[in-house]
Amino acid sequence: MEICTVVTRDREEMVDITERLCAVIREKGWRHGVAALFCPHTTCGLTINEGADPDVRRDMTAFFSRIIPHRGEWRHGEGNSDAHIKASLMGPSLFVIVEDGEPRLGTWQSVYLYEGDGPRSRSIWVQWLPASENA
């Protein structure tokens, strides 16, 4: 397993981690299989979405902030209940197919870490699942 560290700058943001994933794939020499990504934090998650237009990231965080406001009638005492809910909607894991040493993403797709309670230093665990030789 490989561990990637992502340092976030804002309380809520989407950080493009596609290049970090590509770097791990290259460094490890992974050619054909699946990269399983897991975020071991309860106030951030992972998603794949458009990477070409930064307005998509802003629109997504603005939408989540409207439907799940930071200040609400939350009972959790740490003041970050909204981040827990948003992270659950994003999910903690992704699978990315790797072919010929490259992630198989759509033309406009990028891999993101969603931060809901930053700024913080976050970890992403990357596990390699090689393709079966008999496949």
C-alpha atoms as a PDB file:
ATOM      1  CA  MET A   1       0.000   0.000   0.000  1.00  0.00           C
ATOM      2  CA  GLU A   2       1.150   3.519  -0.790  1.00  0.00           C
ATOM      3  CA  ILE A   3       0.176   6.585   1.228  1.00  0.00           C
ATOM      4  CA  CYS A   4      -0.263   9.984  -0.440  1.00  0.00           C
ATOM      5  CA  THR A   5      -0.415  13.085   1.728  1.00  0.00           C
ATOM      6  CA  VAL A   6      -2.579  16.031   0.720  1.00  0.00           C
ATOM      7  CA  VAL A   7      -2.382  19.323   2.602  1.00  0.00           C
ATOM      8  CA  THR A   8      -5.578  21.318   2.270  1.00  0.00           C
ATOM      9  CA  ARG A   9      -5.776  25.102   2.571  1.00  0.00           C
ATOM     10  CA  ASP A  10      -9.438  25.877   3.184  1.00  0.00           C
ATOM     11  CA  ARG A  11     -12.196  24.588   5.420  1.00  0.00           C
ATOM     12  CA  GLU A  12     -14.033  23.226   2.394  1.00  0.00           C
ATOM     13  CA  GLU A  13     -12.438  22.564  -0.977  1.00  0.00           C
ATOM     14  CA  MET A  14     -11.915  20.007  -3.696  1.00  0.00           C
ATOM     15  CA  VAL A  15      -8.258  19.218  -4.361  1.00  0.00           C
ATOM     16  CA  ASP A  16      -7.340  17.659  -7.705  1.00  0.00           C
ATOM     17  CA  ILE A  17      -5.165  14.643  -6.860  1.00  0.00           C
ATOM     18  CA  THR A  18      -4.997  13.165 -10.361  1.00  0.00           C
ATOM     19  CA  GLU A  19      -1.320  14.019 -10.895  1.00  0.00           C
ATOM     20  CA  ARG A  20      -0.392  12.569  -7.501  1.00  0.00           C
ATOM     21  CA  LEU A  21      -2.130   9.336  -8.446  1.00  0.00           C
ATOM     22  CA  CYS A  22      -0.333   9.301 -11.823  1.00  0.00           C
ATOM     23  CA  ALA A  23       2.999   9.844 -10.043  1.00  0.00           C
ATOM     24  CA  VAL A  24       2.385   6.860  -7.728  1.00  0.00           C
ATOM     25  CA  ILE A  25       1.441   4.681 -10.700  1.00  0.00           C
ATOM     26  CA  ARG A  26       4.635   5.687 -12.549  1.00  0.00           C
ATOM     27  CA  GLU A  27       6.919   5.362  -9.505  1.00  0.00           C
ATOM     28  CA  LYS A  28       5.619   1.878  -8.681  1.00  0.00           C
ATOM     29  CA  GLY A  29       5.661   0.706 -12.310  1.00  0.00           C
ATOM     30  CA  TRP A  30       2.031  -0.356 -12.200  1.00  0.00           C
ATOM     31  CA  ARG A  31       0.870  -1.274 -15.723  1.00  0.00           C
ATOM     32  CA  HIS A  32      -2.485  -3.108 -15.827  1.00  0.00           C
ATOM     33  CA  GLY A  33      -4.960  -3.388 -12.971  1.00  0.00           C
ATOM     34  CA  VAL A  34      -6.910  -1.235 -10.555  1.00  0.00           C
ATOM     35  CA  ALA A  35      -5.759   1.426  -8.111  1.00  0.00           C
ATOM     36  CA  ALA A  36      -8.004   1.315  -5.052  1.00  0.00           C
ATOM     37  CA  LEU A  37      -8.025   4.654  -3.203  1.00  0.00           C
ATOM     38  CA  PHE A  38      -9.243   4.992   0.365  1.00  0.00           C
ATOM     39  CA  CYS A  39      -9.507   8.106   2.527  1.00  0.00           C
ATOM     40  CA  PRO A  40      -9.241   7.177   6.247  1.00  0.00           C
ATOM     41  CA  HIS A  41     -10.829  10.398   7.515  1.00  0.00           C
ATOM     42  CA  THR A  42     -14.454  11.050   8.497  1.00  0.00           C
ATOM     43  CA  THR A  43     -14.667  14.659   7.299  1.00  0.00           C
ATOM     44  CA  CYS A  44     -13.325  14.291   3.763  1.00  0.00           C
ATOM     45  CA  GLY A  45     -13.969  11.981   0.863  1.00  0.00           C
ATOM     46  CA  LEU A  46     -13.076  11.076  -2.698  1.00  0.00           C
ATOM     47  CA  THR A  47     -14.844  11.640  -5.986  1.00  0.00           C
ATOM     48  CA  ILE A  48     -14.275  11.780  -9.740  1.00  0.00           C
ATOM     49  CA  ASN A  49     -15.657  14.724 -11.657  1.00  0.00           C
ATOM     50  CA  GLU A  50     -14.796  17.298 -14.293  1.00  0.00           C
ATOM     51  CA  GLY A  51     -11.270  18.648 -14.109  1.00  0.00           C
ATOM     52  CA  ALA A  52     -11.229  21.068 -17.037  1.00  0.00           C
ATOM     53  CA  ASP A  53     -13.349  23.863 -15.583  1.00  0.00           C
ATOM     54  CA  PRO A  54     -12.576  24.972 -11.979  1.00  0.00           C
ATOM     55  CA  ASP A  55     -16.107  26.372 -11.713  1.00  0.00           C
ATOM     56  CA  VAL A  56     -17.360  22.789 -11.368  1.00  0.00           C
ATOM     57  CA  ARG A  57     -15.407  22.402  -8.104  1.00  0.00           C
ATOM     58  CA  ARG A  58     -16.710  25.739  -6.833  1.00  0.00           C
ATOM     59  CA  ASP A  59     -20.274  24.878  -7.844  1.00  0.00           C
ATOM     60  CA  MET A  60     -20.083  21.537  -6.055  1.00  0.00           C
ATOM     61  CA  THR A  61     -18.779  22.973  -2.786  1.00  0.00           C
ATOM     62  CA  ALA A  62     -21.298  25.845  -2.988  1.00  0.00           C
ATOM     63  CA  PHE A  63     -24.148  23.380  -3.568  1.00  0.00           C
ATOM     64  CA  PHE A  64     -23.147  21.185  -0.645  1.00  0.00           C
ATOM     65  CA  SER A  65     -22.829  24.264   1.568  1.00  0.00           C
ATOM     66  CA  ARG A  66     -26.353  25.350   0.637  1.00  0.00           C
ATOM     67  CA  ILE A  67     -27.992  21.997   1.291  1.00  0.00           C
ATOM     68  CA  ILE A  68     -25.806  21.143   4.311  1.00  0.00           C
ATOM     69  CA  PRO A  69     -24.805  24.420   6.006  1.00  0.00           C
ATOM     70  CA  HIS A  70     -21.833  24.617   8.358  1.00  0.00           C
ATOM     71  CA  ARG A  71     -23.980  26.170  11.057  1.00  0.00           C
ATOM     72  CA  GLY A  72     -27.117  24.153  11.552  1.00  0.00           C
ATOM     73  CA  GLU A  73     -29.056  22.420  14.238  1.00  0.00           C
ATOM     74  CA  TRP A  74     -26.318  19.830  14.641  1.00  0.00           C
ATOM     75  CA  ARG A  75     -25.790  17.932  17.877  1.00  0.00           C
ATOM     76  CA  HIS A  76     -22.186  16.809  17.307  1.00  0.00           C
ATOM     77  CA  GLY A  77     -20.080  18.902  19.680  1.00  0.00           C
ATOM     78  CA  GLU A  78     -17.028  19.481  17.462  1.00  0.00           C
ATOM     79  CA  GLY A  79     -18.818  21.871  15.104  1.00  0.00           C
ATOM     80  CA  ASN A  80     -18.098  19.847  11.982  1.00  0.00           C
ATOM     81  CA  SER A  81     -21.254  17.784  11.524  1.00  0.00           C
ATOM     82  CA  ASP A  82     -21.741  19.254   8.063  1.00  0.00           C
ATOM     83  CA  ALA A  83     -18.333  17.902   7.026  1.00  0.00           C
ATOM     84  CA  HIS A  84     -19.218  14.409   8.241  1.00  0.00           C
ATOM     85  CA  ILE A  85     -22.444  14.446   6.214  1.00  0.00           C
ATOM     86  CA  LYS A  86     -20.772  15.816   3.069  1.00  0.00           C
ATOM     87  CA  ALA A  87     -17.939  13.282   3.341  1.00  0.00           C
ATOM     88  CA  SER A  88     -20.503  10.473   3.578  1.00  0.00           C
ATOM     89  CA  LEU A  89     -22.185  11.733   0.419  1.00  0.00           C
ATOM     90  CA  MET A  90     -18.823  11.761  -1.401  1.00  0.00           C
ATOM     91  CA  GLY A  91     -17.712   8.408  -0.030  1.00  0.00           C
ATOM     92  CA  PRO A  92     -14.345   7.267   1.306  1.00  0.00           C
ATOM     93  CA  SER A  93     -13.114   5.215  -1.650  1.00  0.00           C
ATOM     94  CA  LEU A  94     -12.685   4.958  -5.398  1.00  0.00           C
ATOM     95  CA  PHE A  95     -11.458   2.396  -7.888  1.00  0.00           C
ATOM     96  CA  VAL A  96      -9.511   3.651 -10.899  1.00  0.00           C
ATOM     97  CA  ILE A  97      -8.710   1.296 -13.769  1.00  0.00           C
ATOM     98  CA  VAL A  98      -5.078   1.489 -14.912  1.00  0.00           C
ATOM     99  CA  GLU A  99      -4.130   0.448 -18.425  1.00  0.00           C
ATOM    100  CA  ASP A 100      -0.632   0.724 -19.918  1.00  0.00           C
ATOM    101  CA  GLY A 101       0.490   2.590 -16.793  1.00  0.00           C
ATOM    102  CA  GLU A 102      -2.151   5.325 -17.069  1.00  0.00           C
ATOM    103  CA  PRO A 103      -5.425   5.848 -15.186  1.00  0.00           C
ATOM    104  CA  ARG A 104      -8.407   5.252 -17.479  1.00  0.00           C
ATOM    105  CA  LEU A 105     -10.360   8.433 -16.874  1.00  0.00           C
ATOM    106  CA  GLY A 106     -12.810  10.120 -19.220  1.00  0.00           C
ATOM    107  CA  THR A 107     -11.639  13.092 -21.269  1.00  0.00           C
ATOM    108  CA  TRP A 108     -12.755  15.654 -18.705  1.00  0.00           C
ATOM    109  CA  GLN A 109     -12.419  13.598 -15.533  1.00  0.00           C
ATOM    110  CA  SER A 110     -10.102  14.227 -12.590  1.00  0.00           C
ATOM    111  CA  VAL A 111      -9.768  12.542  -9.200  1.00  0.00           C
ATOM    112  CA  TYR A 112     -10.545  14.758  -6.198  1.00  0.00           C
ATOM    113  CA  LEU A 113     -10.129  14.780  -2.473  1.00  0.00           C
ATOM    114  CA  TYR A 114     -13.082  16.642  -0.987  1.00  0.00           C
ATOM    115  CA  GLU A 115     -12.064  18.490   2.203  1.00  0.00           C
ATOM    116  CA  GLY A 116     -14.880  19.365   4.578  1.00  0.00           C
ATOM    117  CA  ASP A 117     -13.078  20.400   7.763  1.00  0.00           C
ATOM    118  CA  GLY A 118      -9.744  21.903   6.805  1.00  0.00           C
ATOM    119  CA  PRO A 119      -7.196  23.069   6.558  1.00  0.00           C
ATOM    120  CA  ARG A 120      -5.540  19.780   7.445  1.00  0.00           C
ATOM    121  CA  SER A 121      -3.011  17.221   6.338  1.00  0.00           C
ATOM    122  CA  ARG A 122      -4.873  14.246   4.857  1.00  0.00           C
ATOM    123  CA  SER A 123      -3.816  10.762   3.842  1.00  0.00           C
ATOM    124  CA  ILE A 124      -4.996   8.745   0.885  1.00  0.00           C
ATOM    125  CA  TRP A 125      -4.184   5.061   0.888  1.00  0.00           C
ATOM    126  CA  VAL A 126      -3.563   3.557  -2.547  1.00  0.00           C
ATOM    127  CA  GLN A 127      -3.667  -0.225  -2.932  1.00  0.00           C
ATOM    128  CA  TRP A 128      -2.650  -1.874  -6.186  1.00  0.00           C
ATOM    129  CA  LEU A 129      -4.824  -4.685  -7.546  1.00  0.00           C
ATOM    130  CA  PRO A 130      -2.989  -6.181 -10.550  1.00  0.00           C
ATOM    131  CA  ALA A 131      -4.947  -7.585 -13.467  1.00  0.00           C
ATOM    132  CA  SER A 132      -5.102 -11.346 -13.571  1.00  0.00           C
ATOM    133  CA  GLU A 133      -2.786 -12.910 -16.127  1.00  0.00           C
ATOM    134  CA  ASN A 134      -5.616 -15.301 -16.976  1.00  0.00           C
ATOM    135  CA  ALA A 135      -8.120 -12.522 -17.716  1.00  0.00           C
END
